[in-house]
N, C-alpha and C. Protein backbone atom coordinates (compact mmCIF):
# COMPACT_ATOMS: atom_id res chain seq x y z
N MET A 1 165.89 -115.08 -149.79
CA MET A 1 166.57 -115.15 -148.51
C MET A 1 168.04 -116.39 -148.78
N ILE A 2 168.92 -116.23 -148.21
CA ILE A 2 170.34 -117.08 -148.25
C ILE A 2 170.03 -118.13 -147.26
N LYS A 3 170.13 -119.46 -147.82
CA LYS A 3 170.28 -120.49 -146.78
C LYS A 3 171.37 -120.40 -145.71
N GLY A 4 170.93 -121.03 -144.64
CA GLY A 4 172.01 -120.93 -143.26
C GLY A 4 171.83 -119.93 -142.55
N LEU A 5 171.15 -118.98 -142.90
CA LEU A 5 171.37 -117.64 -142.04
C LEU A 5 169.90 -117.68 -140.97
N GLY A 6 169.12 -118.68 -140.91
CA GLY A 6 167.92 -118.93 -140.49
C GLY A 6 168.57 -119.02 -138.72
N ASN A 7 169.56 -119.42 -138.67
CA ASN A 7 170.10 -119.97 -137.28
C ASN A 7 170.92 -118.63 -136.63
N ILE A 8 170.70 -117.70 -137.17
CA ILE A 8 171.46 -116.08 -136.53
C ILE A 8 170.51 -115.86 -135.63
N GLY A 9 169.06 -115.83 -135.79
CA GLY A 9 168.56 -115.53 -134.46
C GLY A 9 168.41 -116.67 -133.29
N ASP A 10 168.90 -117.62 -133.65
CA ASP A 10 169.07 -118.56 -132.65
C ASP A 10 170.05 -118.47 -131.93
N MET A 11 171.12 -117.99 -132.37
CA MET A 11 172.56 -117.71 -131.86
C MET A 11 172.59 -116.39 -131.14
N ALA A 12 171.60 -115.49 -131.46
CA ALA A 12 171.51 -114.65 -130.77
C ALA A 12 170.98 -114.66 -129.21
N ARG A 13 169.62 -115.63 -129.57
CA ARG A 13 168.98 -115.86 -128.51
C ARG A 13 169.95 -116.63 -127.45
N MET A 14 170.82 -117.68 -127.86
CA MET A 14 171.79 -118.15 -127.27
C MET A 14 173.02 -117.58 -126.21
N MET A 15 173.16 -116.41 -127.41
CA MET A 15 174.43 -115.57 -126.60
C MET A 15 173.72 -114.49 -125.29
N LYS A 16 172.29 -114.45 -125.56
CA LYS A 16 171.61 -113.70 -124.42
C LYS A 16 171.36 -114.35 -123.20
N ALA A 17 170.96 -115.68 -123.74
CA ALA A 17 170.65 -116.70 -122.51
C ALA A 17 172.08 -116.94 -121.51
N ALA A 18 173.27 -117.17 -122.44
CA ALA A 18 174.27 -117.11 -121.88
C ALA A 18 174.73 -116.03 -120.65
N LYS A 19 174.60 -114.96 -121.18
CA LYS A 19 174.92 -113.47 -121.02
C LYS A 19 173.94 -113.59 -119.65
N ASP A 20 172.98 -113.99 -119.85
CA ASP A 20 171.74 -113.89 -118.42
C ASP A 20 172.26 -114.54 -117.33
N MET A 21 172.57 -115.72 -117.82
CA MET A 21 173.04 -116.93 -116.97
C MET A 21 174.28 -116.49 -116.24
N GLN A 22 175.20 -115.87 -116.72
CA GLN A 22 176.53 -115.29 -116.33
C GLN A 22 176.14 -114.03 -115.40
N ASP A 23 175.04 -113.40 -115.50
CA ASP A 23 174.99 -112.17 -114.57
C ASP A 23 173.93 -112.94 -113.37
N ARG A 24 173.52 -113.89 -113.74
CA ARG A 24 172.80 -114.55 -112.33
C ARG A 24 173.91 -115.27 -111.58
N MET A 25 174.70 -115.98 -112.26
CA MET A 25 175.74 -116.69 -111.49
C MET A 25 176.49 -115.47 -110.62
N GLN A 26 176.87 -114.42 -111.41
CA GLN A 26 177.60 -113.12 -110.50
C GLN A 26 176.99 -112.88 -109.21
N GLN A 27 175.52 -112.74 -109.52
CA GLN A 27 174.70 -112.44 -108.28
C GLN A 27 174.16 -113.27 -107.36
N VAL A 28 174.33 -114.79 -107.58
CA VAL A 28 174.39 -116.01 -106.67
C VAL A 28 175.63 -115.65 -105.90
N GLN A 29 176.75 -115.62 -106.69
CA GLN A 29 178.16 -115.67 -105.59
C GLN A 29 178.05 -114.69 -104.99
N ALA A 30 177.69 -113.34 -105.16
CA ALA A 30 177.12 -112.20 -104.07
C ALA A 30 176.73 -112.43 -103.00
N ASP A 31 175.31 -113.20 -103.46
CA ASP A 31 174.59 -113.78 -102.24
C ASP A 31 174.94 -114.63 -101.48
N LEU A 32 175.81 -115.60 -101.72
CA LEU A 32 176.52 -116.79 -101.13
C LEU A 32 177.38 -116.29 -100.13
N ASP A 33 177.87 -115.09 -100.65
CA ASP A 33 178.94 -113.90 -99.49
C ASP A 33 178.15 -113.78 -98.33
N ALA A 34 176.85 -113.39 -98.61
CA ALA A 34 175.87 -112.52 -97.52
C ALA A 34 175.34 -113.31 -96.84
N ILE A 35 174.93 -114.64 -97.08
CA ILE A 35 174.30 -115.47 -96.52
C ILE A 35 174.98 -116.44 -95.36
N THR A 36 174.46 -116.43 -94.29
CA THR A 36 175.11 -117.03 -93.14
C THR A 36 174.66 -118.24 -92.68
N VAL A 37 175.16 -119.18 -92.26
CA VAL A 37 174.50 -120.33 -91.49
C VAL A 37 175.35 -120.44 -90.13
N THR A 38 174.85 -121.26 -89.39
CA THR A 38 175.11 -121.63 -87.97
C THR A 38 175.17 -123.08 -87.49
N GLY A 39 176.43 -123.74 -87.08
CA GLY A 39 176.62 -125.04 -87.00
C GLY A 39 176.98 -125.09 -85.36
N GLU A 40 176.32 -125.89 -84.81
CA GLU A 40 176.81 -126.30 -83.36
C GLU A 40 176.89 -127.47 -82.81
N SER A 41 177.51 -127.59 -81.71
CA SER A 41 177.69 -129.15 -81.13
C SER A 41 177.58 -128.87 -79.55
N GLY A 42 177.32 -129.86 -78.78
CA GLY A 42 177.45 -129.70 -77.31
C GLY A 42 176.13 -129.08 -76.82
N ALA A 43 175.22 -129.56 -77.69
CA ALA A 43 173.87 -128.71 -77.35
C ALA A 43 173.87 -127.46 -77.34
N GLY A 44 174.87 -126.66 -78.27
CA GLY A 44 174.72 -125.06 -78.44
C GLY A 44 175.75 -124.73 -77.39
N LEU A 45 176.71 -125.51 -77.18
CA LEU A 45 177.95 -124.94 -76.31
C LEU A 45 179.16 -124.30 -77.14
N VAL A 46 178.88 -124.78 -78.31
CA VAL A 46 179.95 -124.31 -79.30
C VAL A 46 179.15 -123.75 -80.82
N ARG A 47 179.38 -123.05 -81.02
CA ARG A 47 178.55 -122.59 -82.05
C ARG A 47 179.73 -121.81 -83.53
N ALA A 48 179.32 -122.21 -84.49
CA ALA A 48 180.44 -121.81 -85.68
C ALA A 48 179.50 -121.19 -86.63
N THR A 49 179.94 -120.02 -87.22
CA THR A 49 179.09 -119.46 -88.42
C THR A 49 180.14 -119.23 -89.63
N CYS A 50 179.37 -119.82 -90.53
CA CYS A 50 180.06 -119.42 -92.10
C CYS A 50 179.08 -119.09 -92.78
N THR A 51 179.66 -118.58 -93.90
CA THR A 51 179.13 -118.07 -95.37
C THR A 51 178.63 -119.17 -95.99
N ALA A 52 177.39 -119.10 -96.96
CA ALA A 52 177.10 -120.24 -97.45
C ALA A 52 178.17 -120.67 -98.40
N LYS A 53 179.46 -120.03 -98.80
CA LYS A 53 180.23 -120.67 -99.42
C LYS A 53 181.23 -121.43 -98.48
N GLY A 54 181.06 -121.47 -97.25
CA GLY A 54 181.79 -122.28 -96.24
C GLY A 54 182.86 -121.48 -95.53
N GLU A 55 183.02 -120.15 -95.51
CA GLU A 55 184.16 -119.39 -94.92
C GLU A 55 183.69 -119.32 -93.33
N LEU A 56 184.35 -119.77 -92.62
CA LEU A 56 184.35 -119.45 -91.35
C LEU A 56 184.32 -117.92 -90.82
N THR A 57 183.34 -117.76 -90.33
CA THR A 57 183.13 -116.38 -89.91
C THR A 57 183.34 -115.78 -88.55
N ALA A 58 183.01 -116.71 -87.66
CA ALA A 58 182.68 -116.43 -86.42
C ALA A 58 182.61 -117.82 -85.63
N LEU A 59 182.86 -117.76 -84.13
CA LEU A 59 183.15 -118.99 -83.56
C LEU A 59 182.61 -118.40 -82.03
N ASP A 60 181.82 -118.98 -81.50
CA ASP A 60 180.84 -118.75 -80.30
C ASP A 60 181.25 -120.09 -79.09
N ILE A 61 182.11 -119.71 -78.46
CA ILE A 61 182.24 -120.90 -77.35
C ILE A 61 181.63 -120.48 -75.95
N ASP A 62 180.80 -121.21 -75.02
CA ASP A 62 180.43 -120.99 -73.89
C ASP A 62 181.49 -121.23 -73.17
N PRO A 63 181.54 -120.04 -71.65
CA PRO A 63 182.87 -120.25 -71.15
C PRO A 63 182.94 -121.55 -70.18
N SER A 64 181.58 -121.92 -70.00
CA SER A 64 181.39 -123.08 -68.89
C SER A 64 182.11 -124.44 -69.45
N ILE A 65 182.64 -124.52 -70.78
CA ILE A 65 183.67 -125.57 -71.12
C ILE A 65 184.86 -125.36 -70.96
N PHE A 66 185.16 -124.53 -70.51
CA PHE A 66 186.73 -124.26 -70.54
C PHE A 66 187.08 -124.63 -68.93
N VAL A 67 187.68 -125.96 -68.86
CA VAL A 67 188.33 -126.56 -67.77
C VAL A 67 189.14 -127.43 -68.30
N PRO A 68 190.65 -127.22 -67.87
CA PRO A 68 192.01 -127.79 -68.54
C PRO A 68 192.00 -128.95 -68.71
N SER A 69 191.42 -129.94 -67.91
CA SER A 69 191.22 -131.58 -67.96
C SER A 69 190.37 -131.72 -68.79
N GLU A 70 189.40 -130.85 -69.68
CA GLU A 70 188.40 -131.32 -70.92
C GLU A 70 188.97 -130.78 -72.23
N LYS A 71 190.22 -130.29 -72.25
CA LYS A 71 191.14 -129.70 -73.83
C LYS A 71 190.23 -130.38 -74.70
N GLU A 72 190.39 -131.71 -74.52
CA GLU A 72 190.22 -132.55 -76.04
C GLU A 72 188.71 -132.63 -76.32
N VAL A 73 188.02 -132.28 -75.30
CA VAL A 73 186.46 -132.25 -75.42
C VAL A 73 185.90 -131.44 -76.14
N VAL A 74 186.75 -130.02 -75.68
CA VAL A 74 186.46 -128.71 -76.35
C VAL A 74 186.97 -128.65 -77.58
N GLU A 75 188.04 -129.10 -78.03
CA GLU A 75 188.61 -129.39 -79.39
C GLU A 75 187.82 -130.01 -80.31
N ASP A 76 187.03 -131.20 -79.73
CA ASP A 76 186.03 -132.18 -80.29
C ASP A 76 184.81 -131.16 -80.39
N LEU A 77 184.44 -130.53 -79.94
CA LEU A 77 183.19 -129.92 -79.75
C LEU A 77 183.28 -128.87 -80.68
N ILE A 78 184.52 -128.24 -81.11
CA ILE A 78 185.05 -126.80 -81.77
C ILE A 78 184.92 -127.32 -83.44
N LEU A 79 185.50 -128.79 -83.54
CA LEU A 79 185.54 -129.31 -84.78
C LEU A 79 184.24 -129.58 -85.22
N ALA A 80 183.75 -130.36 -84.21
CA ALA A 80 181.85 -130.65 -84.98
C ALA A 80 181.36 -129.72 -84.94
N ALA A 81 181.20 -128.11 -84.27
CA ALA A 81 180.39 -127.26 -84.88
C ALA A 81 180.82 -126.62 -86.20
N ILE A 82 182.02 -126.25 -86.47
CA ILE A 82 182.80 -126.09 -87.68
C ILE A 82 181.93 -127.10 -88.74
N LYS A 83 182.53 -128.37 -88.47
CA LYS A 83 181.93 -129.16 -89.67
C LYS A 83 180.21 -129.22 -89.85
N ASP A 84 179.78 -128.96 -88.73
CA ASP A 84 178.08 -128.89 -89.10
C ASP A 84 177.88 -127.57 -89.62
N ALA A 85 178.62 -126.39 -89.55
CA ALA A 85 178.45 -125.06 -90.28
C ALA A 85 178.58 -125.29 -91.44
N GLN A 86 179.87 -125.91 -91.86
CA GLN A 86 180.22 -126.17 -93.37
C GLN A 86 179.36 -126.94 -93.98
N ARG A 87 178.64 -128.12 -93.39
CA ARG A 87 177.64 -128.88 -93.89
C ARG A 87 176.33 -128.21 -94.45
N LYS A 88 176.13 -127.28 -93.49
CA LYS A 88 174.89 -126.54 -93.29
C LYS A 88 175.30 -125.33 -94.90
N ALA A 89 176.40 -124.77 -94.97
CA ALA A 89 176.63 -123.76 -95.82
C ALA A 89 176.65 -124.78 -97.26
N GLN A 90 176.93 -126.02 -97.16
CA GLN A 90 177.04 -126.66 -98.36
C GLN A 90 175.59 -126.94 -98.69
N ASP A 91 174.82 -127.31 -98.01
CA ASP A 91 173.35 -127.56 -98.49
C ASP A 91 172.82 -126.15 -98.96
N ARG A 92 173.07 -125.13 -98.24
CA ARG A 92 172.08 -123.80 -98.61
C ARG A 92 172.98 -123.55 -99.83
N MET A 93 173.97 -123.82 -100.47
CA MET A 93 174.75 -123.19 -101.58
C MET A 93 173.98 -124.02 -102.82
N GLN A 94 173.98 -125.53 -102.42
CA GLN A 94 173.09 -126.17 -103.43
C GLN A 94 171.63 -125.92 -103.65
N SER A 95 170.70 -125.55 -102.38
CA SER A 95 169.49 -124.92 -102.57
C SER A 95 169.60 -123.97 -103.54
N GLU A 96 170.43 -123.02 -103.24
CA GLU A 96 170.20 -121.67 -103.67
C GLU A 96 170.70 -121.88 -105.45
N MET A 97 171.60 -122.52 -105.63
CA MET A 97 172.08 -123.04 -107.01
C MET A 97 170.91 -123.89 -107.70
N ALA A 98 170.24 -124.96 -106.87
CA ALA A 98 168.81 -125.45 -107.59
C ALA A 98 167.73 -124.29 -107.99
N ARG A 99 167.47 -123.49 -107.11
CA ARG A 99 166.82 -122.28 -107.29
C ARG A 99 167.06 -121.36 -108.69
N ILE A 100 168.17 -121.52 -109.06
CA ILE A 100 168.67 -120.66 -109.73
C ILE A 100 168.22 -121.29 -111.20
N THR A 101 169.01 -122.78 -111.43
CA THR A 101 168.98 -123.46 -112.53
C THR A 101 167.32 -123.55 -112.86
N GLU A 102 166.61 -123.87 -111.75
CA GLU A 102 165.35 -124.11 -112.09
C GLU A 102 164.72 -122.68 -112.66
N GLY A 103 165.08 -121.68 -112.27
CA GLY A 103 164.55 -120.08 -113.01
C GLY A 103 164.90 -120.30 -114.55
N MET A 104 166.04 -121.33 -114.51
CA MET A 104 166.67 -120.81 -115.91
C MET A 104 166.20 -122.22 -117.14
N GLY A 105 165.54 -122.87 -116.12
CA GLY A 105 164.60 -123.90 -117.22
C GLY A 105 165.92 -125.26 -117.32
N LEU A 106 167.01 -125.21 -116.39
CA LEU A 106 167.71 -126.01 -116.33
C LEU A 106 167.24 -127.54 -115.35
N PRO A 107 167.74 -128.43 -115.35
CA PRO A 107 167.59 -129.81 -114.89
C PRO A 107 167.93 -129.14 -113.18
N ALA A 108 167.43 -129.79 -112.11
CA ALA A 108 167.69 -129.14 -110.67
C ALA A 108 169.15 -129.82 -110.25
N ASP A 109 169.22 -131.09 -110.76
CA ASP A 109 170.61 -131.57 -110.31
C ASP A 109 171.63 -131.25 -111.37
N MET A 110 171.78 -130.32 -111.99
CA MET A 110 172.56 -129.88 -113.02
C MET A 110 173.84 -128.98 -112.33
N LYS A 111 175.10 -129.63 -112.47
CA LYS A 111 175.98 -128.93 -111.42
C LYS A 111 176.67 -127.80 -112.30
N LEU A 112 176.53 -126.30 -111.76
CA LEU A 112 177.07 -125.37 -112.44
C LEU A 112 178.54 -125.16 -111.95
N PRO A 113 179.52 -124.98 -112.73
CA PRO A 113 180.92 -124.18 -111.83
C PRO A 113 181.05 -123.11 -110.90
N PHE A 114 181.66 -123.46 -110.19
CA PHE A 114 181.86 -122.14 -109.22
C PHE A 114 183.38 -121.88 -109.64
């Protein structure tokens, strides 16, 4: 047996693990597009829906808040709902990534690039 070739098996395992991780990351990316979260403000008067990636997909505003003199309040409620949805999206994405890294035996707090 030639010295130095014993690590070829380890290299093949590492390459397979890297490919598996890449496949899982692609699946997670697709899943994050399909997962939605809803943020709200004003006790539900304004609701914003985002994908888990943070892309705003819907905005629902209760018509009772459309009073011309309350324009600034409505704008603040809309921004608050969007920020709430984006925060929930970020939390959900981190949760999904932690689940994947844990499944691969990596530390739960390891940051994987997107």
